[in-house]
Amino acid sequence: MEEQKSTFWKEAKQTLLWPFLFFGIGLWRLLATGDWFYLVNFGYIGSALFIGDLLTRMLSPKKKVIGRKVTQLMIGLYMLGLLGFIGHENMQMEGFFSYLLAGVFAGATLHYFIAKIVGPLVFGRAWCGWACWTAMVLDFLPWTRPRTGRIRNLGLIRYVHLIISFLLVLFVWFILKRPIGRGQEFAWLILGNIAYYASSILLAAFLKDNRAFCKYGCPIPPLQKLGTRFSLLRIQADRDLCNECAACEKTCPMNIRLLEYIKRGKRILSTECILCQTCVRTCHNKALKATFKMDAGFKEFLTFSR
């Protein structure tokens, strides 16, 4: 009993990183702007991460995924529902580009800066695994384990998507000379999300892979990948506990060849890792865990089907 209590408090202390980090960001913006929204906003996000992380650590292996899904719903519904649909702020990629051109420091600007540009230096692509409102829906689809590997070179579409999004905003601003107003922002948000959800669900159903859109169509990973190469937070294996059964690799939703990193004595350095921790809860020997330290990854080990 005492050992269980000790483990509980140890796990609880580790999860305090998230509210500490995000309340700190909120306090920084409060002091800079005098706007209490930032403290409430980032305090809420940090609290959602704390709750999900704590549940993930405390629940049994089969139920650990509940923690991540709780956080996904808390953050995804808040950002898309409250900030987007109620606040009429365009949280899509095009909204971010538009705010940059307008010189407006809006919620989307700060969101992209922290979650998708600078934040990956600390927590990699955890946004994709724990907070994305598109993946929030995709992770409830039945194809959690990819039946085959990735389709080689199809991921380049993500970069094309990013470039087209940027060029589209430039076209509206400098050719049509119609800066996007509040009404247009809301319409863009609705149409953009309809397109994202429709294409991602159809792609998942066609390829029998919940995360197919993340691998082939989403424009966000190209923004995250540079910082993710140097991420402090990654999955690490204990070589003494790992028996190379490959259970983690078989269940990885992103088709990462985890054993290639483990055999080399490295953390999972792939920029495709979304820190969903499916591998952690799959490992029967409890050989995997998330750790903080400095290293860098420039070699991708992925499974391809064709």
C-alpha atoms as a PDB file:
ATOM      1  CA  MET A   1       0.000   0.000   0.000  1.00  0.00           C
ATOM      2  CA  GLU A   2       2.784   2.432   0.917  1.00  0.00           C
ATOM      3  CA  GLU A   3       4.588   1.605  -2.315  1.00  0.00           C
ATOM      4  CA  GLN A   4       1.414   2.352  -4.304  1.00  0.00           C
ATOM      5  CA  LYS A   5       1.006   5.711  -2.552  1.00  0.00           C
ATOM      6  CA  SER A   6       4.643   6.557  -3.252  1.00  0.00           C
ATOM      7  CA  THR A   7       4.233   5.695  -6.935  1.00  0.00           C
ATOM      8  CA  PHE A   8       1.030   7.752  -7.155  1.00  0.00           C
ATOM      9  CA  TRP A   9       2.676  10.887  -5.774  1.00  0.00           C
ATOM     10  CA  LYS A  10       5.752  10.392  -7.935  1.00  0.00           C
ATOM     11  CA  GLU A  11       3.578  10.162 -11.039  1.00  0.00           C
ATOM     12  CA  ALA A  12       1.483  13.154  -9.942  1.00  0.00           C
ATOM     13  CA  LYS A  13       4.577  15.313  -9.467  1.00  0.00           C
ATOM     14  CA  GLN A  14       5.842  14.477 -12.946  1.00  0.00           C
ATOM     15  CA  THR A  15       2.569  15.576 -14.528  1.00  0.00           C
ATOM     16  CA  LEU A  16       2.810  18.977 -12.819  1.00  0.00           C
ATOM     17  CA  LEU A  17       5.162  20.016 -15.607  1.00  0.00           C
ATOM     18  CA  TRP A  18       2.184  20.774 -17.858  1.00  0.00           C
ATOM     19  CA  PRO A  19       0.221  23.208 -15.666  1.00  0.00           C
ATOM     20  CA  PHE A  20       3.503  24.794 -14.563  1.00  0.00           C
ATOM     21  CA  LEU A  21       4.596  25.332 -18.178  1.00  0.00           C
ATOM     22  CA  PHE A  22       1.273  26.580 -19.528  1.00  0.00           C
ATOM     23  CA  PHE A  23       0.331  28.714 -16.532  1.00  0.00           C
ATOM     24  CA  GLY A  24       3.772  30.266 -16.979  1.00  0.00           C
ATOM     25  CA  ILE A  25       2.996  31.125 -20.608  1.00  0.00           C
ATOM     26  CA  GLY A  26      -0.377  32.551 -19.557  1.00  0.00           C
ATOM     27  CA  LEU A  27       1.251  34.664 -16.843  1.00  0.00           C
ATOM     28  CA  TRP A  28       3.801  35.974 -19.336  1.00  0.00           C
ATOM     29  CA  ARG A  29       1.055  37.116 -21.694  1.00  0.00           C
ATOM     30  CA  LEU A  30      -1.008  38.558 -18.822  1.00  0.00           C
ATOM     31  CA  LEU A  31       1.914  40.685 -17.668  1.00  0.00           C
ATOM     32  CA  ALA A  32       2.657  41.739 -21.256  1.00  0.00           C
ATOM     33  CA  THR A  33      -0.907  42.646 -22.241  1.00  0.00           C
ATOM     34  CA  GLY A  34      -2.930  42.979 -19.046  1.00  0.00           C
ATOM     35  CA  ASP A  35      -5.473  40.565 -20.583  1.00  0.00           C
ATOM     36  CA  TRP A  36      -6.624  37.832 -18.178  1.00  0.00           C
ATOM     37  CA  PHE A  37      -7.831  35.715 -21.086  1.00  0.00           C
ATOM     38  CA  TYR A  38      -4.332  34.401 -21.631  1.00  0.00           C
ATOM     39  CA  LEU A  39      -3.980  33.129 -18.077  1.00  0.00           C
ATOM     40  CA  VAL A  40      -7.378  31.421 -18.248  1.00  0.00           C
ATOM     41  CA  ASN A  41      -6.702  30.041 -21.736  1.00  0.00           C
ATOM     42  CA  PHE A  42      -3.287  28.545 -21.059  1.00  0.00           C
ATOM     43  CA  GLY A  43      -4.226  27.550 -17.538  1.00  0.00           C
ATOM     44  CA  TYR A  44      -7.068  25.501 -18.973  1.00  0.00           C
ATOM     45  CA  ILE A  45      -4.826  23.832 -21.565  1.00  0.00           C
ATOM     46  CA  GLY A  46      -2.212  23.014 -18.924  1.00  0.00           C
ATOM     47  CA  SER A  47      -4.915  21.589 -16.642  1.00  0.00           C
ATOM     48  CA  ALA A  48      -6.294  19.431 -19.483  1.00  0.00           C
ATOM     49  CA  LEU A  49      -2.822  18.030 -20.133  1.00  0.00           C
ATOM     50  CA  PHE A  50      -2.330  17.406 -16.414  1.00  0.00           C
ATOM     51  CA  ILE A  51      -5.605  15.482 -16.128  1.00  0.00           C
ATOM     52  CA  GLY A  52      -4.932  13.383 -19.227  1.00  0.00           C
ATOM     53  CA  ASP A  53      -1.324  12.638 -18.315  1.00  0.00           C
ATOM     54  CA  LEU A  54      -2.235  11.681 -14.758  1.00  0.00           C
ATOM     55  CA  LEU A  55      -5.016   9.374 -15.949  1.00  0.00           C
ATOM     56  CA  THR A  56      -2.627   7.785 -18.439  1.00  0.00           C
ATOM     57  CA  ARG A  57      -0.128   7.058 -15.679  1.00  0.00           C
ATOM     58  CA  MET A  58      -2.686   5.762 -13.190  1.00  0.00           C
ATOM     59  CA  LEU A  59      -5.013   3.612 -15.305  1.00  0.00           C
ATOM     60  CA  SER A  60      -4.386   0.010 -16.330  1.00  0.00           C
ATOM     61  CA  PRO A  61      -2.618  -0.565 -19.685  1.00  0.00           C
ATOM     62  CA  LYS A  62      -5.871  -1.297 -21.536  1.00  0.00           C
ATOM     63  CA  LYS A  63      -7.498   1.875 -20.206  1.00  0.00           C
ATOM     64  CA  LYS A  64      -4.561   4.282 -20.458  1.00  0.00           C
ATOM     65  CA  VAL A  65      -5.774   5.568 -23.825  1.00  0.00           C
ATOM     66  CA  ILE A  66      -8.733   7.138 -21.988  1.00  0.00           C
ATOM     67  CA  GLY A  67      -6.397   9.743 -20.495  1.00  0.00           C
ATOM     68  CA  ARG A  68      -5.186  10.942 -23.876  1.00  0.00           C
ATOM     69  CA  LYS A  69      -8.702  11.007 -25.325  1.00  0.00           C
ATOM     70  CA  VAL A  70      -9.952  13.063 -22.370  1.00  0.00           C
ATOM     71  CA  THR A  71      -7.260  15.651 -23.069  1.00  0.00           C
ATOM     72  CA  GLN A  72      -8.001  15.592 -26.808  1.00  0.00           C
ATOM     73  CA  LEU A  73     -11.670  16.307 -26.175  1.00  0.00           C
ATOM     74  CA  MET A  74     -11.010  18.982 -23.547  1.00  0.00           C
ATOM     75  CA  ILE A  75      -8.553  20.920 -25.717  1.00  0.00           C
ATOM     76  CA  GLY A  76     -10.041  20.177 -29.140  1.00  0.00           C
ATOM     77  CA  LEU A  77     -13.604  21.153 -28.247  1.00  0.00           C
ATOM     78  CA  TYR A  78     -12.371  24.249 -26.425  1.00  0.00           C
ATOM     79  CA  MET A  79     -10.212  25.537 -29.271  1.00  0.00           C
ATOM     80  CA  LEU A  80     -12.519  24.664 -32.135  1.00  0.00           C
ATOM     81  CA  GLY A  81     -15.798  25.230 -30.317  1.00  0.00           C
ATOM     82  CA  LEU A  82     -15.171  28.177 -27.992  1.00  0.00           C
ATOM     83  CA  LEU A  83     -12.363  30.052 -29.741  1.00  0.00           C
ATOM     84  CA  GLY A  84     -13.449  29.129 -33.260  1.00  0.00           C
ATOM     85  CA  PHE A  85     -17.206  28.749 -33.592  1.00  0.00           C
ATOM     86  CA  ILE A  86     -18.196  30.985 -30.661  1.00  0.00           C
ATOM     87  CA  GLY A  87     -15.275  33.430 -30.739  1.00  0.00           C
ATOM     88  CA  HIS A  88     -15.301  33.532 -34.567  1.00  0.00           C
ATOM     89  CA  GLU A  89     -11.516  33.280 -34.760  1.00  0.00           C
ATOM     90  CA  ASN A  90      -9.984  31.335 -37.629  1.00  0.00           C
ATOM     91  CA  MET A  91      -7.786  28.710 -35.953  1.00  0.00           C
ATOM     92  CA  GLN A  92      -6.905  27.094 -39.298  1.00  0.00           C
ATOM     93  CA  MET A  93      -3.556  27.448 -41.047  1.00  0.00           C
ATOM     94  CA  GLU A  94      -4.927  30.195 -43.302  1.00  0.00           C
ATOM     95  CA  GLY A  95      -6.047  32.185 -40.271  1.00  0.00           C
ATOM     96  CA  PHE A  96      -2.525  32.058 -38.873  1.00  0.00           C
ATOM     97  CA  PHE A  97      -1.031  33.333 -42.142  1.00  0.00           C
ATOM     98  CA  SER A  98      -3.675  36.076 -42.387  1.00  0.00           C
ATOM     99  CA  TYR A  99      -3.011  37.315 -38.839  1.00  0.00           C
ATOM    100  CA  LEU A 100       0.723  37.411 -39.567  1.00  0.00           C
ATOM    101  CA  LEU A 101       0.171  39.551 -42.658  1.00  0.00           C
ATOM    102  CA  ALA A 102      -2.170  41.833 -40.737  1.00  0.00           C
ATOM    103  CA  GLY A 103       0.288  42.165 -37.858  1.00  0.00           C
ATOM    104  CA  VAL A 104      -2.410  40.960 -35.459  1.00  0.00           C
ATOM    105  CA  PHE A 105      -1.335  39.026 -32.387  1.00  0.00           C
ATOM    106  CA  ALA A 106      -4.452  36.858 -32.166  1.00  0.00           C
ATOM    107  CA  GLY A 107      -5.113  33.558 -30.422  1.00  0.00           C
ATOM    108  CA  ALA A 108      -4.278  31.622 -33.584  1.00  0.00           C
ATOM    109  CA  THR A 109      -0.926  33.412 -33.840  1.00  0.00           C
ATOM    110  CA  LEU A 110       0.093  32.419 -30.327  1.00  0.00           C
ATOM    111  CA  HIS A 111      -1.356  28.945 -30.772  1.00  0.00           C
ATOM    112  CA  TYR A 112       0.728  28.209 -33.860  1.00  0.00           C
ATOM    113  CA  PHE A 113       3.818  29.775 -32.321  1.00  0.00           C
ATOM    114  CA  ILE A 114       3.636  27.566 -29.212  1.00  0.00           C
ATOM    115  CA  ALA A 115       2.070  24.329 -30.474  1.00  0.00           C
ATOM    116  CA  LYS A 116       3.557  24.098 -33.928  1.00  0.00           C
ATOM    117  CA  ILE A 117       6.688  26.208 -34.338  1.00  0.00           C
ATOM    118  CA  VAL A 118       8.623  26.728 -31.084  1.00  0.00           C
ATOM    119  CA  GLY A 119       6.809  24.245 -28.819  1.00  0.00           C
ATOM    120  CA  PRO A 120       8.087  21.173 -30.735  1.00  0.00           C
ATOM    121  CA  LEU A 121      11.558  21.980 -29.395  1.00  0.00           C
ATOM    122  CA  VAL A 122      10.198  20.936 -25.989  1.00  0.00           C
ATOM    123  CA  PHE A 123       7.403  18.419 -26.614  1.00  0.00           C
ATOM    124  CA  GLY A 124       7.830  17.420 -30.265  1.00  0.00           C
ATOM    125  CA  ARG A 125       4.587  16.632 -32.050  1.00  0.00           C
ATOM    126  CA  ALA A 126       2.616  16.011 -28.881  1.00  0.00           C
ATOM    127  CA  TRP A 127       0.017  18.462 -30.236  1.00  0.00           C
ATOM    128  CA  CYS A 128      -0.864  15.883 -32.907  1.00  0.00           C
ATOM    129  CA  GLY A 129      -1.262  13.121 -30.357  1.00  0.00           C
ATOM    130  CA  TRP A 130      -2.962  14.991 -27.524  1.00  0.00           C
ATOM    131  CA  ALA A 131      -4.737  18.134 -28.726  1.00  0.00           C
ATOM    132  CA  CYS A 132      -5.521  18.204 -32.461  1.00  0.00           C
ATOM    133  CA  TRP A 133      -9.270  18.651 -33.000  1.00  0.00           C
ATOM    134  CA  THR A 134      -9.159  16.731 -36.289  1.00  0.00           C
ATOM    135  CA  ALA A 135      -7.363  13.753 -34.732  1.00  0.00           C
ATOM    136  CA  MET A 136      -9.778  14.039 -31.789  1.00  0.00           C
ATOM    137  CA  VAL A 137     -12.405  12.562 -34.121  1.00  0.00           C
ATOM    138  CA  LEU A 138     -10.069  10.289 -36.096  1.00  0.00           C
ATOM    139  CA  ASP A 139      -8.894   8.465 -32.977  1.00  0.00           C
ATOM    140  CA  PHE A 140     -12.443   7.227 -32.377  1.00  0.00           C
ATOM    141  CA  LEU A 141     -12.487   5.457 -35.759  1.00  0.00           C
ATOM    142  CA  PRO A 142     -11.899   1.677 -35.737  1.00  0.00           C
ATOM    143  CA  TRP A 143      -8.609   1.566 -37.677  1.00  0.00           C
ATOM    144  CA  THR A 144      -6.214   2.300 -34.808  1.00  0.00           C
ATOM    145  CA  ARG A 145      -3.575  -0.179 -36.008  1.00  0.00           C
ATOM    146  CA  PRO A 146      -2.381   0.376 -39.615  1.00  0.00           C
ATOM    147  CA  ARG A 147      -2.804  -2.810 -41.649  1.00  0.00           C
ATOM    148  CA  THR A 148       0.119  -1.972 -43.910  1.00  0.00           C
ATOM    149  CA  GLY A 149       3.069   0.394 -43.924  1.00  0.00           C
ATOM    150  CA  ARG A 150       3.146   3.886 -45.311  1.00  0.00           C
ATOM    151  CA  ILE A 151       2.799   4.677 -48.990  1.00  0.00           C
ATOM    152  CA  ARG A 152       6.219   5.939 -50.020  1.00  0.00           C
ATOM    153  CA  ASN A 153       6.509   9.625 -51.005  1.00  0.00           C
ATOM    154  CA  LEU A 154       2.796  10.280 -50.511  1.00  0.00           C
ATOM    155  CA  GLY A 155       3.680  12.374 -47.464  1.00  0.00           C
ATOM    156  CA  LEU A 156       4.996  15.060 -49.803  1.00  0.00           C
ATOM    157  CA  ILE A 157       1.371  16.112 -50.248  1.00  0.00           C
ATOM    158  CA  ARG A 158       1.597  17.688 -46.776  1.00  0.00           C
ATOM    159  CA  TYR A 159       4.220  20.123 -48.032  1.00  0.00           C
ATOM    160  CA  VAL A 160       2.181  20.933 -51.146  1.00  0.00           C
ATOM    161  CA  HIS A 161      -0.837  21.561 -48.902  1.00  0.00           C
ATOM    162  CA  LEU A 162       1.205  23.963 -46.749  1.00  0.00           C
ATOM    163  CA  ILE A 163       2.465  25.890 -49.768  1.00  0.00           C
ATOM    164  CA  ILE A 164      -1.004  26.112 -51.341  1.00  0.00           C
ATOM    165  CA  SER A 165      -2.488  27.408 -48.055  1.00  0.00           C
ATOM    166  CA  PHE A 166       0.134  30.143 -47.891  1.00  0.00           C
ATOM    167  CA  LEU A 167      -0.222  31.086 -51.565  1.00  0.00           C
ATOM    168  CA  LEU A 168      -4.004  31.218 -51.222  1.00  0.00           C
ATOM    169  CA  VAL A 169      -3.751  33.767 -48.427  1.00  0.00           C
ATOM    170  CA  LEU A 170      -1.222  35.782 -50.446  1.00  0.00           C
ATOM    171  CA  PHE A 171      -3.622  35.731 -53.414  1.00  0.00           C
ATOM    172  CA  VAL A 172      -6.492  37.072 -51.315  1.00  0.00           C
ATOM    173  CA  TRP A 173      -4.331  39.780 -49.739  1.00  0.00           C
ATOM    174  CA  PHE A 174      -2.250  41.037 -52.656  1.00  0.00           C
ATOM    175  CA  ILE A 175      -4.160  40.098 -55.816  1.00  0.00           C
ATOM    176  CA  LEU A 176      -7.770  40.421 -54.708  1.00  0.00           C
ATOM    177  CA  LYS A 177      -6.713  43.050 -52.132  1.00  0.00           C
ATOM    178  CA  ARG A 178      -9.387  41.856 -49.714  1.00  0.00           C
ATOM    179  CA  PRO A 179      -7.930  41.307 -46.253  1.00  0.00           C
ATOM    180  CA  ILE A 180      -9.981  38.670 -44.472  1.00  0.00           C
ATOM    181  CA  GLY A 181     -12.478  40.205 -42.026  1.00  0.00           C
ATOM    182  CA  ARG A 182     -14.269  38.630 -39.083  1.00  0.00           C
ATOM    183  CA  GLY A 183     -17.145  37.309 -41.174  1.00  0.00           C
ATOM    184  CA  GLN A 184     -14.815  35.799 -43.737  1.00  0.00           C
ATOM    185  CA  GLU A 185     -12.694  34.281 -40.946  1.00  0.00           C
ATOM    186  CA  PHE A 186     -15.692  32.395 -39.592  1.00  0.00           C
ATOM    187  CA  ALA A 187     -16.714  31.150 -43.042  1.00  0.00           C
ATOM    188  CA  TRP A 188     -13.143  30.066 -43.737  1.00  0.00           C
ATOM    189  CA  LEU A 189     -13.058  28.217 -40.412  1.00  0.00           C
ATOM    190  CA  ILE A 190     -16.275  26.319 -41.147  1.00  0.00           C
ATOM    191  CA  LEU A 191     -15.396  25.427 -44.736  1.00  0.00           C
ATOM    192  CA  GLY A 192     -11.846  24.504 -43.782  1.00  0.00           C
ATOM    193  CA  ASN A 193     -12.936  22.139 -41.043  1.00  0.00           C
ATOM    194  CA  ILE A 194     -15.578  20.527 -43.242  1.00  0.00           C
ATOM    195  CA  ALA A 195     -12.855  19.849 -45.815  1.00  0.00           C
ATOM    196  CA  TYR A 196     -10.424  18.548 -43.174  1.00  0.00           C
ATOM    197  CA  TYR A 197     -12.912  16.219 -41.503  1.00  0.00           C
ATOM    198  CA  ALA A 198     -14.357  14.913 -44.768  1.00  0.00           C
ATOM    199  CA  SER A 199     -10.986  14.221 -46.395  1.00  0.00           C
ATOM    200  CA  SER A 200      -9.395  12.734 -43.265  1.00  0.00           C
ATOM    201  CA  ILE A 201     -12.312  10.387 -42.506  1.00  0.00           C
ATOM    202  CA  LEU A 202     -12.560   9.233 -46.141  1.00  0.00           C
ATOM    203  CA  LEU A 203      -8.809   8.683 -46.289  1.00  0.00           C
ATOM    204  CA  ALA A 204      -8.872   6.730 -43.021  1.00  0.00           C
ATOM    205  CA  ALA A 205     -11.692   4.514 -44.301  1.00  0.00           C
ATOM    206  CA  PHE A 206     -10.045   3.931 -47.673  1.00  0.00           C
ATOM    207  CA  LEU A 207      -6.604   3.063 -46.264  1.00  0.00           C
ATOM    208  CA  LYS A 208      -7.939   1.490 -43.028  1.00  0.00           C
ATOM    209  CA  ASP A 209      -5.688   3.823 -41.047  1.00  0.00           C
ATOM    210  CA  ASN A 210      -6.970   6.420 -38.575  1.00  0.00           C
ATOM    211  CA  ARG A 211      -3.846   8.535 -38.947  1.00  0.00           C
ATOM    212  CA  ALA A 212      -3.602   8.467 -42.751  1.00  0.00           C
ATOM    213  CA  PHE A 213      -4.387  12.190 -43.015  1.00  0.00           C
ATOM    214  CA  CYS A 214      -1.562  12.972 -40.541  1.00  0.00           C
ATOM    215  CA  LYS A 215       0.863  11.031 -42.731  1.00  0.00           C
ATOM    216  CA  TYR A 216      -0.224  12.236 -46.154  1.00  0.00           C
ATOM    217  CA  GLY A 217      -2.443  15.316 -46.098  1.00  0.00           C
ATOM    218  CA  CYS A 218      -2.064  17.533 -43.033  1.00  0.00           C
ATOM    219  CA  PRO A 219      -0.001  20.723 -43.578  1.00  0.00           C
ATOM    220  CA  ILE A 220       0.956  21.031 -39.893  1.00  0.00           C
ATOM    221  CA  PRO A 221       3.805  18.435 -39.668  1.00  0.00           C
ATOM    222  CA  PRO A 222       6.077  20.396 -42.038  1.00  0.00           C
ATOM    223  CA  LEU A 223       5.936  23.272 -39.528  1.00  0.00           C
ATOM    224  CA  GLN A 224       6.651  20.965 -36.593  1.00  0.00           C
ATOM    225  CA  LYS A 225       9.374  18.752 -37.989  1.00  0.00           C
ATOM    226  CA  LEU A 226      12.334  21.129 -37.685  1.00  0.00           C
ATOM    227  CA  GLY A 227      11.786  21.741 -33.982  1.00  0.00           C
ATOM    228  CA  THR A 228      10.851  18.118 -33.341  1.00  0.00           C
ATOM    229  CA  ARG A 229      14.320  16.978 -34.421  1.00  0.00           C
ATOM    230  CA  PHE A 230      15.666  18.574 -31.233  1.00  0.00           C
ATOM    231  CA  SER A 231      12.714  17.825 -28.940  1.00  0.00           C
ATOM    232  CA  LEU A 232      13.479  17.395 -25.243  1.00  0.00           C
ATOM    233  CA  LEU A 233      10.501  15.060 -24.675  1.00  0.00           C
ATOM    234  CA  ARG A 234      10.689  11.669 -26.372  1.00  0.00           C
ATOM    235  CA  ILE A 235      10.029   7.992 -25.802  1.00  0.00           C
ATOM    236  CA  GLN A 236      12.988   6.006 -24.467  1.00  0.00           C
ATOM    237  CA  ALA A 237      13.505   2.256 -24.016  1.00  0.00           C
ATOM    238  CA  ASP A 238      15.251   0.436 -21.205  1.00  0.00           C
ATOM    239  CA  ARG A 239      17.502  -1.993 -23.104  1.00  0.00           C
ATOM    240  CA  ASP A 240      17.642  -4.348 -20.105  1.00  0.00           C
ATOM    241  CA  LEU A 241      13.849  -4.750 -20.151  1.00  0.00           C
ATOM    242  CA  CYS A 242      13.272  -4.796 -23.908  1.00  0.00           C
ATOM    243  CA  ASN A 243      13.171  -8.303 -25.426  1.00  0.00           C
ATOM    244  CA  GLU A 244      12.664  -7.001 -28.976  1.00  0.00           C
ATOM    245  CA  CYS A 245       9.258  -8.667 -29.333  1.00  0.00           C
ATOM    246  CA  ALA A 246       8.233  -5.769 -31.641  1.00  0.00           C
ATOM    247  CA  ALA A 247       4.777  -5.436 -30.056  1.00  0.00           C
ATOM    248  CA  CYS A 248       5.350  -1.675 -29.822  1.00  0.00           C
ATOM    249  CA  GLU A 249       6.328  -1.437 -33.468  1.00  0.00           C
ATOM    250  CA  LYS A 250       3.319  -3.417 -34.671  1.00  0.00           C
ATOM    251  CA  THR A 251       0.884  -1.101 -32.890  1.00  0.00           C
ATOM    252  CA  CYS A 252       2.559   2.255 -33.668  1.00  0.00           C
ATOM    253  CA  PRO A 253      -0.092   4.319 -35.518  1.00  0.00           C
ATOM    254  CA  MET A 254       2.638   6.268 -37.343  1.00  0.00           C
ATOM    255  CA  ASN A 255       4.501   3.200 -38.719  1.00  0.00           C
ATOM    256  CA  ILE A 256       7.769   4.027 -36.958  1.00  0.00           C
ATOM    257  CA  ARG A 257      10.364   1.251 -36.826  1.00  0.00           C
ATOM    258  CA  LEU A 258      10.910   1.669 -33.113  1.00  0.00           C
ATOM    259  CA  LEU A 259      13.329  -1.245 -32.760  1.00  0.00           C
ATOM    260  CA  GLU A 260      15.827   0.431 -35.088  1.00  0.00           C
ATOM    261  CA  TYR A 261      16.184   3.254 -32.571  1.00  0.00           C
ATOM    262  CA  ILE A 262      16.136   0.937 -29.564  1.00  0.00           C
ATOM    263  CA  LYS A 263      18.865  -1.329 -30.983  1.00  0.00           C
ATOM    264  CA  ARG A 264      21.060   1.722 -31.501  1.00  0.00           C
ATOM    265  CA  GLY A 265      20.562   2.765 -27.893  1.00  0.00           C
ATOM    266  CA  LYS A 266      18.726   5.919 -28.929  1.00  0.00           C
ATOM    267  CA  ARG A 267      15.421   7.437 -27.962  1.00  0.00           C
ATOM    268  CA  ILE A 268      12.650   7.399 -30.575  1.00  0.00           C
ATOM    269  CA  LEU A 269      14.046  10.268 -32.624  1.00  0.00           C
ATOM    270  CA  SER A 270      11.603  10.119 -35.526  1.00  0.00           C
ATOM    271  CA  THR A 271       9.869  13.385 -36.376  1.00  0.00           C
ATOM    272  CA  GLU A 272       6.773  11.303 -37.135  1.00  0.00           C
ATOM    273  CA  CYS A 273       6.324  10.364 -33.455  1.00  0.00           C
ATOM    274  CA  ILE A 274       3.198  12.031 -32.023  1.00  0.00           C
ATOM    275  CA  LEU A 275       3.885  10.916 -28.430  1.00  0.00           C
ATOM    276  CA  CYS A 276       0.565   9.091 -28.274  1.00  0.00           C
ATOM    277  CA  GLN A 277       2.310   6.512 -26.059  1.00  0.00           C
ATOM    278  CA  THR A 278       0.586   3.577 -27.744  1.00  0.00           C
ATOM    279  CA  CYS A 279       3.966   1.856 -27.661  1.00  0.00           C
ATOM    280  CA  VAL A 280       4.349   2.542 -23.942  1.00  0.00           C
ATOM    281  CA  ARG A 281       1.067   0.934 -22.973  1.00  0.00           C
ATOM    282  CA  THR A 282       1.580  -1.961 -25.440  1.00  0.00           C
ATOM    283  CA  CYS A 283       4.945  -3.017 -24.029  1.00  0.00           C
ATOM    284  CA  HIS A 284       4.396  -6.017 -21.727  1.00  0.00           C
ATOM    285  CA  ASN A 285       7.769  -5.516 -20.018  1.00  0.00           C
ATOM    286  CA  LYS A 286       7.231  -1.797 -19.297  1.00  0.00           C
ATOM    287  CA  ALA A 287      10.456  -1.051 -21.124  1.00  0.00           C
ATOM    288  CA  LEU A 288       9.268   2.241 -22.648  1.00  0.00           C
ATOM    289  CA  LYS A 289       8.629   5.616 -21.054  1.00  0.00           C
ATOM    290  CA  ALA A 290       8.702   9.322 -21.896  1.00  0.00           C
ATOM    291  CA  THR A 291      11.885  11.125 -20.839  1.00  0.00           C
ATOM    292  CA  PHE A 292      13.368  14.619 -20.984  1.00  0.00           C
ATOM    293  CA  LYS A 293      16.912  15.174 -22.200  1.00  0.00           C
ATOM    294  CA  MET A 294      18.876  16.751 -25.041  1.00  0.00           C
ATOM    295  CA  ASP A 295      19.588  14.847 -28.239  1.00  0.00           C
ATOM    296  CA  ALA A 296      18.781  15.191 -31.930  1.00  0.00           C
ATOM    297  CA  GLY A 297      17.478  12.926 -34.651  1.00  0.00           C
ATOM    298  CA  PHE A 298      18.213  13.193 -38.370  1.00  0.00           C
ATOM    299  CA  LYS A 299      17.487   9.621 -39.451  1.00  0.00           C
ATOM    300  CA  GLU A 300      13.944   8.412 -40.077  1.00  0.00           C
ATOM    301  CA  PHE A 301      13.137   4.718 -39.675  1.00  0.00           C
ATOM    302  CA  LEU A 302       9.647   4.118 -41.067  1.00  0.00           C
ATOM    303  CA  THR A 303       7.782   1.080 -42.405  1.00  0.00           C
ATOM    304  CA  PHE A 304       6.654   1.370 -46.029  1.00  0.00           C
ATOM    305  CA  SER A 305       4.296  -0.951 -47.843  1.00  0.00           C
ATOM    306  CA  ARG A 306       5.060   0.156 -51.373  1.00  0.00           C
END
